[in-house]
Amino acid sequence: MATRTNPLQFVQQVRAEIAKVVWPTRREVLLTTVMVFVMASLTAVFFFLVDWVIRSGLQILLTYVG
């Protein structure tokens, strides 16, 4: 069975763990945000093109078959 930690010890442990966190700089956050938007845009364009190619191919195929 786990031992119970009193609230004061818990708060002290949480503060100790938060002190170990290395927070990103403003520049790192900005750069990461820009990269996420760039990658999301590239992915959107890729899937748009794949969808367009498949749709066009099916339209051509169905036009000649139908």
N, C-alpha and C. Protein backbone atom coordinates (compact mmCIF):
# COMPACT_ATOMS: atom_id res chain seq x y z
N MET A 1 0.84 -1.18 0.00
CA MET A 1 0.00 0.00 0.00
C MET A 1 0.89 1.25 0.00
N ALA A 2 0.51 2.25 -0.76
CA ALA A 2 1.31 3.47 -0.87
C ALA A 2 1.17 4.31 0.39
N THR A 3 2.27 4.94 0.75
CA THR A 3 2.21 5.82 1.91
C THR A 3 1.65 7.16 1.49
N ARG A 4 0.96 7.78 2.41
CA ARG A 4 0.36 9.08 2.12
C ARG A 4 1.37 10.19 2.39
N THR A 5 1.38 11.17 1.53
CA THR A 5 2.26 12.33 1.70
C THR A 5 1.40 13.47 2.21
N ASN A 6 1.88 14.15 3.21
CA ASN A 6 1.06 15.26 3.71
C ASN A 6 1.09 16.41 2.72
N PRO A 7 0.08 17.28 2.74
CA PRO A 7 -0.03 18.35 1.74
C PRO A 7 1.19 19.26 1.67
N LEU A 8 1.82 19.55 2.80
CA LEU A 8 2.99 20.42 2.79
C LEU A 8 4.15 19.77 2.05
N GLN A 9 4.39 18.49 2.28
CA GLN A 9 5.45 17.77 1.56
C GLN A 9 5.14 17.72 0.07
N PHE A 10 3.88 17.51 -0.26
CA PHE A 10 3.48 17.45 -1.66
C PHE A 10 3.79 18.76 -2.36
N VAL A 11 3.41 19.87 -1.77
CA VAL A 11 3.67 21.19 -2.36
C VAL A 11 5.17 21.41 -2.50
N GLN A 12 5.95 21.02 -1.52
CA GLN A 12 7.40 21.19 -1.59
C GLN A 12 7.99 20.34 -2.73
N GLN A 13 7.48 19.12 -2.88
CA GLN A 13 7.96 18.26 -3.96
C GLN A 13 7.59 18.82 -5.33
N VAL A 14 6.39 19.34 -5.43
CA VAL A 14 5.96 19.94 -6.71
C VAL A 14 6.84 21.14 -7.04
N ARG A 15 7.12 21.99 -6.06
CA ARG A 15 7.99 23.15 -6.30
C ARG A 15 9.40 22.71 -6.72
N ALA A 16 9.90 21.66 -6.09
CA ALA A 16 11.23 21.16 -6.44
C ALA A 16 11.26 20.65 -7.87
N GLU A 17 10.20 19.96 -8.29
CA GLU A 17 10.15 19.44 -9.66
C GLU A 17 10.01 20.58 -10.67
N ILE A 18 9.18 21.57 -10.35
CA ILE A 18 9.00 22.71 -11.26
C ILE A 18 10.30 23.49 -11.41
N ALA A 19 11.09 23.54 -10.35
CA ALA A 19 12.38 24.24 -10.43
C ALA A 19 13.34 23.55 -11.39
N LYS A 20 13.14 22.26 -11.64
CA LYS A 20 14.02 21.51 -12.56
C LYS A 20 13.65 21.72 -14.03
N VAL A 21 12.45 22.24 -14.26
CA VAL A 21 11.98 22.41 -15.64
C VAL A 21 12.81 23.47 -16.34
N VAL A 22 13.23 23.17 -17.57
CA VAL A 22 13.96 24.14 -18.39
C VAL A 22 12.96 24.72 -19.39
N TRP A 23 12.55 25.94 -19.15
CA TRP A 23 11.55 26.57 -19.99
C TRP A 23 12.19 27.08 -21.28
N PRO A 24 11.48 26.97 -22.41
CA PRO A 24 12.05 27.45 -23.67
C PRO A 24 12.10 28.98 -23.69
N THR A 25 13.04 29.48 -24.48
CA THR A 25 13.15 30.94 -24.62
C THR A 25 12.05 31.42 -25.57
N ARG A 26 11.84 32.72 -25.58
CA ARG A 26 10.82 33.30 -26.46
C ARG A 26 11.15 32.98 -27.93
N ARG A 27 12.43 33.04 -28.27
CA ARG A 27 12.86 32.75 -29.65
C ARG A 27 12.56 31.29 -30.02
N GLU A 28 12.82 30.37 -29.10
CA GLU A 28 12.55 28.95 -29.36
C GLU A 28 11.06 28.69 -29.56
N VAL A 29 10.24 29.34 -28.75
CA VAL A 29 8.79 29.19 -28.89
C VAL A 29 8.33 29.73 -30.23
N LEU A 30 8.82 30.90 -30.61
CA LEU A 30 8.45 31.51 -31.89
C LEU A 30 8.88 30.63 -33.05
N LEU A 31 10.12 30.15 -33.01
CA LEU A 31 10.63 29.31 -34.09
C LEU A 31 9.85 28.00 -34.21
N THR A 32 9.54 27.39 -33.09
CA THR A 32 8.77 26.15 -33.10
C THR A 32 7.36 26.39 -33.63
N THR A 33 6.75 27.50 -33.25
CA THR A 33 5.41 27.83 -33.72
C THR A 33 5.40 28.02 -35.23
N VAL A 34 6.39 28.74 -35.74
CA VAL A 34 6.49 28.96 -37.19
C VAL A 34 6.67 27.62 -37.90
N MET A 35 7.52 26.76 -37.37
CA MET A 35 7.75 25.45 -38.00
C MET A 35 6.47 24.60 -38.02
N VAL A 36 5.69 24.67 -36.96
CA VAL A 36 4.42 23.93 -36.93
C VAL A 36 3.49 24.44 -38.02
N PHE A 37 3.39 25.75 -38.17
CA PHE A 37 2.53 26.30 -39.23
C PHE A 37 3.04 25.93 -40.62
N VAL A 38 4.34 25.96 -40.82
CA VAL A 38 4.92 25.60 -42.12
C VAL A 38 4.62 24.13 -42.44
N MET A 39 4.86 23.24 -41.47
CA MET A 39 4.62 21.82 -41.70
C MET A 39 3.14 21.53 -41.92
N ALA A 40 2.27 22.19 -41.17
CA ALA A 40 0.83 22.00 -41.36
C ALA A 40 0.40 22.48 -42.74
N SER A 41 0.97 23.59 -43.21
CA SER A 41 0.65 24.10 -44.54
C SER A 41 1.13 23.15 -45.63
N LEU A 42 2.36 22.65 -45.49
CA LEU A 42 2.88 21.71 -46.48
C LEU A 42 2.06 20.43 -46.51
N THR A 43 1.65 19.95 -45.37
CA THR A 43 0.82 18.75 -45.31
C THR A 43 -0.53 18.99 -45.97
N ALA A 44 -1.12 20.16 -45.72
CA ALA A 44 -2.41 20.49 -46.32
C ALA A 44 -2.29 20.55 -47.84
N VAL A 45 -1.23 21.17 -48.34
CA VAL A 45 -1.02 21.25 -49.80
C VAL A 45 -0.81 19.86 -50.38
N PHE A 46 -0.03 19.03 -49.72
CA PHE A 46 0.21 17.67 -50.19
C PHE A 46 -1.10 16.89 -50.32
N PHE A 47 -1.91 16.91 -49.27
CA PHE A 47 -3.15 16.15 -49.32
C PHE A 47 -4.15 16.74 -50.30
N PHE A 48 -4.13 18.06 -50.48
CA PHE A 48 -4.97 18.67 -51.51
C PHE A 48 -4.58 18.16 -52.89
N LEU A 49 -3.27 18.11 -53.16
CA LEU A 49 -2.81 17.63 -54.47
C LEU A 49 -3.12 16.15 -54.68
N VAL A 50 -2.94 15.34 -53.65
CA VAL A 50 -3.27 13.92 -53.76
C VAL A 50 -4.76 13.76 -54.04
N ASP A 51 -5.59 14.50 -53.32
CA ASP A 51 -7.04 14.43 -53.53
C ASP A 51 -7.40 14.87 -54.94
N TRP A 52 -6.77 15.95 -55.40
CA TRP A 52 -7.07 16.47 -56.74
C TRP A 52 -6.68 15.46 -57.83
N VAL A 53 -5.52 14.83 -57.67
CA VAL A 53 -5.07 13.84 -58.66
C VAL A 53 -6.02 12.64 -58.68
N ILE A 54 -6.40 12.14 -57.51
CA ILE A 54 -7.31 10.99 -57.46
C ILE A 54 -8.68 11.37 -58.04
N ARG A 55 -9.19 12.56 -57.66
CA ARG A 55 -10.49 13.00 -58.16
C ARG A 55 -10.46 13.16 -59.68
N SER A 56 -9.40 13.79 -60.20
CA SER A 56 -9.29 13.99 -61.65
C SER A 56 -9.18 12.65 -62.37
N GLY A 57 -8.38 11.74 -61.82
CA GLY A 57 -8.24 10.43 -62.43
C GLY A 57 -9.56 9.68 -62.47
N LEU A 58 -10.32 9.74 -61.39
CA LEU A 58 -11.62 9.06 -61.37
C LEU A 58 -12.60 9.71 -62.33
N GLN A 59 -12.59 11.03 -62.44
CA GLN A 59 -13.48 11.70 -63.38
C GLN A 59 -13.16 11.29 -64.81
N ILE A 60 -11.88 11.25 -65.15
CA ILE A 60 -11.47 10.83 -66.50
C ILE A 60 -11.88 9.38 -66.74
N LEU A 61 -11.61 8.53 -65.78
CA LEU A 61 -11.95 7.12 -65.90
C LEU A 61 -13.45 6.93 -66.05
N LEU A 62 -14.25 7.61 -65.26
CA LEU A 62 -15.70 7.45 -65.32
C LEU A 62 -16.30 8.08 -66.56
N THR A 63 -15.64 9.12 -67.11
CA THR A 63 -16.12 9.74 -68.34
C THR A 63 -15.98 8.79 -69.52
N TYR A 64 -14.84 8.09 -69.61
CA TYR A 64 -14.62 7.17 -70.72
C TYR A 64 -15.37 5.86 -70.54
N VAL A 65 -15.57 5.42 -69.34
CA VAL A 65 -16.25 4.15 -69.08
C VAL A 65 -17.75 4.33 -69.20
N GLY A 66 -18.26 5.46 -68.68
CA GLY A 66 -19.71 5.70 -68.63
C GLY A 66 -20.20 6.13 -69.95
